[in-house]
Amino acid sequence: MAEDVELEQGEGGAVESAPKSPGDKLRMAREAQNLSLQDVATRTRIALRQLEAVERDDYSALPGIPYAIGFARAYARTVGLDEVAVAAEVRDAVHGSDIGANRYEAFEPADPARVPPARLAWIAAVIVVLLIAGYTIWRTQLLTPPTSEEIAQDQATQPAAAARPAGVSAPIPPAAQPVVFTAVDDVWLRIYDEAGERLKDGLMKKGESFTLPTNARGPMILTGRPQALSVTVGGKAVAALGPADRTVADLPVSAEALLARGAAAPVAAPAGNAPARPAASSRPAVPSTGSGAAAPAAAPSSAPTVAPPPSSAGNGSPTAP
C-alpha cells in the first residue's frame, strides 16, 4: 500500500485530511487491512502495550530511542508501509519528545514473555553461592597450618625407604625378577600361560636359555626331563622342577611360585675330588701266643727275604754260597 493513504469519508460525509504523525499512518494502514492490534503484535512479537504507544506517538512510554525506531519499522513492514520513511519520521518525532531529553532510563525488555523465569534466576544464585562457599572452605583449609597431631601422623607414615641406610637398595618384588630357564642337556618343554597361550614350545639345545616374559599371567611348564633344566629367579638358582625323568605338567613357574619352592640344593663334590682314604693294611694278622697276649706286629722290612741255603748232608754245616 502506498504511503499516502486515500482520503476516507466520515459518517457525516466530511473528508478527513491525510494523517500526519507516524502513529496515525500505521494505525490507518492496519485498519485498511482489517488487522487488529493483537494481530500485529503476534506477527511482530512486540508487546501489545508498546504497539499502542507507537500508534499514540507516545515514545516516552518506550524503553529508548532504538526501541521506538525498531518497533515502528517492524510495524510498518507488517502493514505494508515504507519502513525507512516511517523510521525517519519516528526518529524526528522522538528527538522532540521527552524520551529524547532523558536518554538514561531503566531498561525494559521488549517482550516480557522472553524474560527468564524467576526460578532460573534463583537456581543461578544458589550455584554462585555454593561456588563461593566451596572456594572459601578450600582457601581456609589451605592456609590453616597443620596441628601437632597431624605432623606426628605424617612423620609416622613416612616410608621406610627414608630410614634405609645409604647404599642399601630396596628389595625387588618377586614379580619383577626375571625367570630364566637354561638347558643343561637337550630337553623338550612347553611353557604356557593360564589362558593356554604357548610362550615356549619345542626342543631346547644344551646351553640354550629362555627368559620368561614378565607380563605372563600364571605361567606353567610341561616337560619330561625336569633335571635337564636349570632355573634361576633374579640370578639365583631355585630347586629342581621335579624328580629326574618324571614328567611334570601344569607346574607353576612364576617368580613367586619358584621362590616358594626354595633355593637349589648344594651340588655334591665330584668323586674324583674326594680325599683319598688310607688303604687297609694287607699284612696278615699275627697269631696270638699261648698266653693270650697279642704280639706286636713287626715292622715291614724293605729288604727282600733271602731263603736259607740247604744244609749239607754230611756234617750239617752250612755250605757257603
Protein backbone atom coordinates (compact mmCIF):
# COMPACT_ATOMS: atom_id res chain seq x y z
CA MET A 1 0.00 0.00 0.00
CA ALA A 2 1.31 3.44 -0.84
CA GLU A 3 2.48 5.72 1.90
CA ASP A 4 -0.21 8.30 1.19
CA VAL A 5 -3.43 6.73 2.29
CA GLU A 6 -6.50 7.77 0.33
CA LEU A 7 -8.89 10.08 2.00
CA GLU A 8 -11.80 8.48 3.75
CA GLN A 9 -15.20 9.95 4.31
CA GLY A 10 -16.57 10.24 7.82
CA GLU A 11 -20.09 9.48 8.97
CA GLY A 12 -21.33 12.93 8.02
CA GLY A 13 -19.71 12.78 4.60
CA ALA A 14 -16.85 15.06 5.63
CA VAL A 15 -13.49 14.30 4.12
CA GLU A 16 -10.69 13.66 6.60
CA SER A 17 -7.26 15.04 5.93
CA ALA A 18 -4.25 12.74 5.37
CA PRO A 19 -2.56 11.51 8.57
CA LYS A 20 0.43 13.48 9.60
CA SER A 21 2.03 11.53 12.51
CA PRO A 22 3.75 8.14 12.07
CA GLY A 23 1.39 6.56 14.60
CA ASP A 24 -1.69 7.67 12.60
CA LYS A 25 -0.22 6.29 9.37
CA LEU A 26 0.47 2.93 10.98
CA ARG A 27 -2.98 2.71 12.57
CA MET A 28 -4.85 3.60 9.35
CA ALA A 29 -2.76 1.13 7.35
CA ARG A 30 -3.58 -1.60 9.86
CA GLU A 31 -7.29 -0.82 9.78
CA ALA A 32 -7.22 -0.80 5.98
CA GLN A 33 -6.05 -4.43 6.08
CA ASN A 34 -8.67 -5.35 8.71
CA LEU A 35 -5.97 -6.27 11.22
CA SER A 36 -6.30 -5.89 14.93
CA LEU A 37 -3.51 -4.60 17.06
CA GLN A 38 -3.21 -8.08 18.56
CA ASP A 39 -2.59 -9.50 15.05
CA VAL A 40 0.28 -7.05 14.57
CA ALA A 41 1.67 -7.95 18.00
CA THR A 42 1.58 -11.66 17.08
CA ARG A 43 3.38 -11.09 13.75
CA THR A 44 6.00 -8.71 15.07
CA ARG A 45 6.35 -10.39 18.51
CA ILE A 46 6.21 -6.94 20.13
CA ALA A 47 4.26 -6.35 23.31
CA LEU A 48 0.76 -5.03 22.76
CA ARG A 49 1.20 -2.05 25.10
CA GLN A 50 4.27 -0.93 23.20
CA LEU A 51 2.43 -1.07 19.85
CA GLU A 52 -0.30 1.04 21.40
CA ALA A 53 2.33 3.60 22.45
CA VAL A 54 3.68 3.68 18.88
CA GLU A 55 0.19 4.38 17.48
CA ARG A 56 -0.32 7.15 20.05
CA ASP A 57 3.13 8.60 19.24
CA ASP A 58 3.84 8.25 22.96
CA TYR A 59 7.53 7.47 22.66
CA SER A 60 8.23 8.30 26.31
CA ALA A 61 6.46 5.04 27.23
CA LEU A 62 9.04 3.06 25.23
CA PRO A 63 12.41 1.85 26.61
CA GLY A 64 14.53 4.12 24.43
CA ILE A 65 15.14 5.67 21.03
CA PRO A 66 16.47 2.48 19.35
CA TYR A 67 13.44 0.56 20.58
CA ALA A 68 10.99 3.21 19.34
CA ILE A 69 12.55 3.23 15.87
CA GLY A 70 12.80 -0.56 15.75
CA PHE A 71 9.18 -1.07 16.79
CA ALA A 72 7.99 1.42 14.19
CA ARG A 73 10.00 -0.26 11.42
CA ALA A 74 8.59 -3.69 12.30
CA TYR A 75 5.05 -2.28 12.45
CA ALA A 76 5.44 -0.57 9.06
CA ARG A 77 6.85 -3.72 7.48
CA THR A 78 3.86 -5.73 8.72
CA VAL A 79 1.18 -3.36 7.36
CA GLY A 80 2.97 -2.68 4.05
CA LEU A 81 4.30 0.86 4.58
CA ASP A 82 7.78 2.15 3.73
CA GLU A 83 9.70 1.22 6.87
CA VAL A 84 12.62 3.51 6.06
CA ALA A 85 10.39 6.56 5.73
CA VAL A 86 8.42 5.66 8.86
CA ALA A 87 11.64 5.14 10.82
CA ALA A 88 12.91 8.59 9.72
CA GLU A 89 9.67 10.22 10.83
CA VAL A 90 9.78 8.41 14.20
CA ARG A 91 13.38 9.49 14.68
CA ASP A 92 12.46 13.12 14.14
CA ALA A 93 9.47 12.81 16.46
CA VAL A 94 11.47 11.08 19.18
CA HIS A 95 14.11 13.80 19.34
CA GLY A 96 11.40 16.31 20.04
CA SER A 97 9.72 14.30 22.79
CA ASP A 98 10.55 13.61 26.43
CA ILE A 99 12.41 10.45 25.56
CA GLY A 100 14.96 12.49 23.62
CA ALA A 101 15.66 14.70 26.64
CA ASN A 102 16.04 11.78 29.06
CA ARG A 103 18.27 9.12 27.49
CA TYR A 104 19.25 7.36 30.72
CA GLU A 105 16.19 5.30 31.59
CA ALA A 106 15.86 1.96 33.20
CA PHE A 107 16.00 -0.95 30.77
CA GLU A 108 12.71 -2.62 29.97
CA PRO A 109 12.68 -5.77 27.84
CA ALA A 110 10.84 -5.57 24.55
CA ASP A 111 8.81 -8.68 25.27
CA PRO A 112 8.10 -9.71 28.87
CA ALA A 113 7.43 -13.25 27.66
CA ARG A 114 11.14 -13.57 26.81
CA VAL A 115 12.31 -12.66 30.28
CA PRO A 116 13.91 -15.71 32.01
CA PRO A 117 11.70 -17.18 34.75
CA ALA A 118 12.41 -16.30 38.35
CA ARG A 119 13.17 -19.96 39.13
CA LEU A 120 16.13 -19.93 36.75
CA ALA A 121 17.46 -16.79 38.42
CA TRP A 122 17.19 -18.42 41.85
CA ILE A 123 19.00 -21.54 40.65
CA ALA A 124 21.82 -19.45 39.24
CA ALA A 125 22.07 -17.52 42.51
CA VAL A 126 22.26 -20.77 44.54
CA ILE A 127 25.02 -22.12 42.27
CA VAL A 128 27.02 -18.92 42.70
CA VAL A 129 26.63 -19.07 46.50
CA LEU A 130 27.76 -22.72 46.58
CA LEU A 131 30.82 -21.93 44.46
CA ILE A 132 31.79 -19.04 46.71
CA ALA A 133 31.32 -21.18 49.84
CA GLY A 134 33.38 -24.03 48.40
CA TYR A 135 36.20 -21.70 47.41
CA THR A 136 36.17 -20.12 50.87
CA ILE A 137 36.38 -23.51 52.61
CA TRP A 138 39.20 -24.63 50.31
CA ARG A 139 41.19 -21.48 50.95
CA THR A 140 40.63 -21.84 54.70
CA GLN A 141 41.94 -25.40 54.72
CA LEU A 142 44.86 -24.47 52.51
CA LEU A 143 46.01 -21.60 54.70
CA THR A 144 45.40 -23.32 58.06
CA PRO A 145 48.73 -24.59 59.50
CA PRO A 146 48.84 -28.29 60.42
CA THR A 147 48.42 -29.28 64.06
CA SER A 148 51.00 -31.17 66.10
CA GLU A 149 48.93 -34.37 65.81
CA GLU A 150 48.85 -34.15 62.02
CA ILE A 151 52.60 -33.58 61.93
CA ALA A 152 53.15 -36.64 64.13
CA GLN A 153 50.94 -38.76 61.87
CA ASP A 154 52.83 -37.60 58.80
CA GLN A 155 56.15 -38.50 60.38
CA ALA A 156 54.83 -41.91 61.45
CA THR A 157 53.56 -42.72 57.97
CA GLN A 158 56.76 -41.79 56.17
CA PRO A 159 58.02 -44.65 54.00
CA ALA A 160 60.66 -46.95 55.41
CA ALA A 161 62.88 -46.10 52.47
CA ALA A 162 63.68 -42.75 54.09
CA ALA A 163 65.29 -44.53 57.05
CA ARG A 164 67.19 -47.06 54.90
CA PRO A 165 70.99 -46.56 55.06
CA ALA A 166 72.68 -45.11 52.05
CA GLY A 167 73.82 -47.68 49.54
CA VAL A 168 71.17 -50.25 50.52
CA SER A 169 68.78 -50.76 47.65
CA ALA A 170 65.13 -51.55 48.14
CA PRO A 171 64.19 -55.22 47.76
CA ILE A 172 62.92 -56.13 44.34
CA PRO A 173 59.44 -57.65 44.39
CA PRO A 174 59.35 -61.25 43.16
CA ALA A 175 57.13 -60.41 40.21
CA ALA A 176 59.77 -58.02 38.85
CA GLN A 177 62.63 -60.56 38.99
CA PRO A 178 63.41 -62.35 35.71
CA VAL A 179 62.89 -66.10 35.46
CA VAL A 180 65.45 -67.80 33.20
CA PHE A 181 65.37 -71.43 32.03
CA THR A 182 68.73 -72.85 30.89
CA ALA A 183 69.07 -76.28 29.32
CA VAL A 184 71.92 -78.29 30.84
CA ASP A 185 71.09 -81.02 28.32
CA ASP A 186 68.84 -81.36 25.29
CA VAL A 187 65.27 -81.24 26.58
CA TRP A 188 61.77 -80.76 25.17
CA LEU A 189 59.45 -78.44 27.04
CA ARG A 190 56.33 -76.36 26.73
CA ILE A 191 55.72 -73.17 28.73
CA TYR A 192 52.24 -71.66 28.57
CA ASP A 193 50.10 -69.16 30.48
CA GLU A 194 46.78 -69.58 32.25
CA ALA A 195 44.90 -68.89 29.00
CA GLY A 196 46.72 -71.72 27.24
CA GLU A 197 48.86 -69.47 25.06
CA ARG A 198 52.24 -71.07 24.40
CA LEU A 199 55.20 -68.95 25.42
CA LYS A 200 57.85 -71.56 24.57
CA ASP A 201 57.30 -74.85 22.80
CA GLY A 202 59.90 -77.19 21.37
CA LEU A 203 63.36 -78.61 21.90
CA MET A 204 65.96 -76.62 23.80
CA LYS A 205 69.54 -77.47 22.96
CA LYS A 206 72.15 -77.76 25.65
CA GLY A 207 73.27 -74.31 26.77
CA GLU A 208 70.19 -72.58 25.31
CA SER A 209 68.28 -70.18 27.59
CA PHE A 210 64.75 -68.79 27.66
CA THR A 211 63.61 -65.80 29.73
CA LEU A 212 60.00 -65.86 30.87
CA PRO A 213 58.09 -62.69 29.86
CA THR A 214 57.41 -60.51 32.88
CA ASN A 215 53.81 -59.94 31.79
CA ALA A 216 53.00 -63.66 31.59
CA ARG A 217 49.90 -64.48 33.63
CA GLY A 218 50.05 -67.73 35.58
CA PRO A 219 52.84 -69.38 33.55
CA MET A 220 53.17 -73.19 33.77
CA ILE A 221 55.51 -75.81 32.30
CA LEU A 222 55.27 -79.29 30.79
CA THR A 223 58.41 -81.40 30.36
CA GLY A 224 59.53 -84.98 30.74
CA ARG A 225 63.08 -84.24 31.89
CA PRO A 226 62.96 -81.62 34.61
CA GLN A 227 66.52 -82.45 35.66
CA ALA A 228 67.77 -81.11 32.32
CA LEU A 229 66.66 -77.57 33.18
CA SER A 230 68.41 -75.07 35.41
CA VAL A 231 66.03 -72.36 36.62
CA THR A 232 67.06 -69.03 38.16
CA VAL A 233 64.97 -66.21 39.60
CA GLY A 234 66.75 -62.89 39.67
CA GLY A 235 70.04 -64.68 39.05
CA LYS A 236 69.58 -67.09 41.97
CA ALA A 237 69.10 -70.80 41.31
CA VAL A 238 65.94 -72.42 42.64
CA ALA A 239 65.08 -76.00 43.46
CA ALA A 240 64.68 -78.57 40.69
CA LEU A 241 61.32 -78.68 38.97
CA GLY A 242 60.83 -82.36 39.77
CA PRO A 243 62.40 -85.79 40.04
CA ALA A 244 64.65 -86.95 37.22
CA ASP A 245 62.91 -88.42 34.16
CA ARG A 246 59.48 -87.81 35.68
CA THR A 247 57.01 -85.78 33.63
CA VAL A 248 55.82 -82.57 35.27
CA ALA A 249 52.69 -80.88 33.92
CA ASP A 250 50.84 -77.69 34.85
CA LEU A 251 53.66 -76.77 37.22
CA PRO A 252 53.58 -73.03 38.08
CA VAL A 253 56.83 -71.33 37.11
CA SER A 254 56.14 -67.74 38.05
CA ALA A 255 58.74 -65.93 40.14
CA GLU A 256 56.59 -66.22 43.26
CA ALA A 257 55.92 -69.92 42.76
CA LEU A 258 59.56 -70.76 42.09
CA LEU A 259 60.80 -68.78 45.09
CA ALA A 260 58.28 -70.62 47.24
CA ARG A 261 59.94 -73.91 46.22
CA GLY A 262 63.17 -72.80 47.87
CA ALA A 263 66.74 -72.47 46.72
CA ALA A 264 68.57 -75.15 44.79
CA ALA A 265 70.21 -77.93 46.76
CA PRO A 266 74.02 -77.65 47.03
CA VAL A 267 75.82 -79.56 44.33
CA ALA A 268 77.76 -82.61 45.60
CA ALA A 269 81.51 -82.62 45.05
CA PRO A 270 82.71 -84.92 42.22
CA ALA A 271 84.11 -88.30 43.19
CA GLY A 272 87.49 -87.53 41.67
CA ASN A 273 87.99 -84.60 44.01
CA ALA A 274 87.19 -86.52 47.21
CA PRO A 275 90.19 -87.00 49.52
CA ALA A 276 91.73 -90.46 49.28
CA ARG A 277 91.20 -92.66 52.28
CA PRO A 278 94.19 -94.69 53.52
CA ALA A 279 94.14 -98.23 52.20
CA ALA A 280 93.75 -101.03 54.69
CA SER A 281 96.95 -102.93 55.51
CA SER A 282 97.29 -106.16 53.61
CA ARG A 283 99.65 -107.54 56.24
CA PRO A 284 98.41 -110.85 57.64
CA ALA A 285 97.41 -110.92 61.24
CA VAL A 286 99.93 -112.32 63.70
CA PRO A 287 98.56 -115.29 65.59
CA SER A 288 98.23 -114.85 69.28
CA THR A 289 100.64 -116.51 71.66
CA GLY A 290 99.70 -119.17 74.03
CA SER A 291 99.44 -116.73 76.92
CA GLY A 292 96.71 -114.76 75.11
CA ALA A 293 98.80 -111.62 74.71
CA ALA A 294 98.92 -110.25 71.23
CA ALA A 295 102.39 -109.95 69.80
CA PRO A 296 103.25 -106.63 68.34
CA ALA A 297 103.27 -106.52 64.62
CA ALA A 298 106.69 -106.48 63.12
CA ALA A 299 107.63 -103.53 61.06
CA PRO A 300 107.76 -104.37 57.42
CA SER A 301 111.29 -104.78 56.06
CA SER A 302 112.29 -103.08 52.97
CA ALA A 303 114.95 -105.74 52.17
CA PRO A 304 113.89 -108.88 50.33
CA THR A 305 113.76 -112.05 52.32
CA VAL A 306 116.57 -114.49 51.42
CA ALA A 307 115.84 -118.15 51.77
CA PRO A 308 118.40 -120.11 53.87
CA PRO A 309 120.76 -122.32 51.88
CA PRO A 310 120.22 -126.04 52.04
CA SER A 311 122.19 -127.84 54.71
CA SER A 312 124.96 -130.35 53.88
CA ALA A 313 124.01 -133.91 54.20
CA GLY A 314 127.37 -134.91 55.68
CA ASN A 315 128.22 -132.73 58.61
CA GLY A 316 125.21 -130.46 58.87
CA SER A 317 127.29 -127.33 58.49
CA PRO A 318 126.05 -124.68 56.16
CA THR A 319 127.59 -124.57 52.81
CA ALA A 320 128.93 -121.33 51.73
CA PRO A 321 127.17 -119.88 48.80
